[in-house]
Amino acid sequence: MSRKDKNTLEFLVALVSELAAHLGISQDAAYNYIREYRGLEYYFKHYNILHTLSFEENVEDLLQVCANNGGQLR
């Protein structure tokens, strides 16, 4: 695995953890939510920008992307 891939996945794990804490749900549920409502697509497409933002900004953005795609956990 390349260093970039490892960094991308490590950041995703941390972001899912932050999202789970923000919503008061398990990390599994948070991951499934962003997977189901296209948050992962958004994450991988925009990782180069997302990793420069705060976790708070990323959590809000992911929640908005998911809400725009039918998610209702806000």
Protein backbone atom coordinates (compact mmCIF):
# COMPACT_ATOMS: atom_id res chain seq x y z
CA MET A 1 0.00 0.00 0.00
CA SER A 2 1.35 3.41 -0.91
CA ARG A 3 1.97 6.08 1.70
CA LYS A 4 -0.78 8.24 0.13
CA ASP A 5 -3.30 5.37 0.34
CA LYS A 6 -2.35 4.74 3.96
CA ASN A 7 -2.77 8.43 4.83
CA THR A 8 -6.12 8.53 3.04
CA LEU A 9 -7.43 5.53 4.98
CA GLU A 10 -6.05 6.70 8.32
CA PHE A 11 -7.75 10.06 7.87
CA LEU A 12 -11.00 8.31 6.95
CA VAL A 13 -10.87 6.19 10.12
CA ALA A 14 -10.34 9.31 12.23
CA LEU A 15 -13.12 11.15 10.42
CA VAL A 16 -15.58 8.28 10.90
CA SER A 17 -14.69 8.28 14.59
CA GLU A 18 -15.36 12.03 14.82
CA LEU A 19 -18.65 11.65 12.94
CA ALA A 20 -19.74 8.83 15.25
CA ALA A 21 -18.94 10.90 18.34
CA HIS A 22 -20.74 13.93 16.88
CA LEU A 23 -23.89 11.90 16.19
CA GLY A 24 -23.68 9.69 19.29
CA ILE A 25 -23.68 6.48 17.24
CA SER A 26 -21.24 3.62 16.79
CA GLN A 27 -18.36 3.88 14.36
CA ASP A 28 -19.87 1.03 12.34
CA ALA A 29 -23.15 2.92 12.04
CA ALA A 30 -21.35 6.13 11.04
CA TYR A 31 -19.36 4.30 8.36
CA ASN A 32 -22.46 2.56 7.02
CA TYR A 33 -24.30 5.89 6.92
CA ILE A 34 -21.66 7.67 4.85
CA ARG A 35 -21.29 4.63 2.60
CA GLU A 36 -25.03 4.40 1.97
CA TYR A 37 -25.56 8.11 1.33
CA ARG A 38 -22.54 8.73 -0.93
CA GLY A 39 -20.31 10.30 1.70
CA LEU A 40 -17.47 7.93 0.83
CA GLU A 41 -17.70 8.90 -2.83
CA TYR A 42 -17.42 12.54 -1.81
CA TYR A 43 -14.55 11.78 0.57
CA PHE A 44 -12.39 9.93 -1.94
CA LYS A 45 -13.12 12.42 -4.72
CA HIS A 46 -12.15 15.43 -2.57
CA TYR A 47 -9.58 13.98 -0.15
CA ASN A 48 -6.83 16.29 -1.38
CA ILE A 49 -8.82 19.25 -0.07
CA LEU A 50 -10.61 17.61 2.86
CA HIS A 51 -7.47 16.63 4.72
CA THR A 52 -6.51 20.32 4.94
CA LEU A 53 -9.75 21.21 6.76
CA SER A 54 -10.68 20.67 10.40
CA PHE A 55 -12.56 17.58 11.52
CA GLU A 56 -15.46 19.82 12.51
CA GLU A 57 -15.70 21.21 8.97
CA ASN A 58 -15.40 17.75 7.49
CA VAL A 59 -18.11 16.31 9.73
CA GLU A 60 -20.52 19.11 8.79
CA ASP A 61 -19.70 18.72 5.10
CA LEU A 62 -20.17 14.94 5.20
CA LEU A 63 -23.48 15.33 6.99
CA GLN A 64 -24.63 17.79 4.33
CA VAL A 65 -23.54 15.51 1.47
CA CYS A 66 -25.38 12.60 3.06
CA ALA A 67 -28.48 14.71 3.71
CA ASN A 68 -28.45 15.81 0.08
CA ASN A 69 -28.52 12.13 -0.87
CA GLY A 70 -31.39 11.10 1.40
CA GLY A 71 -29.64 10.67 4.76
CA GLN A 72 -31.54 11.91 7.80
CA LEU A 73 -29.24 11.53 10.84
CA ARG A 74 -28.77 15.27 11.51
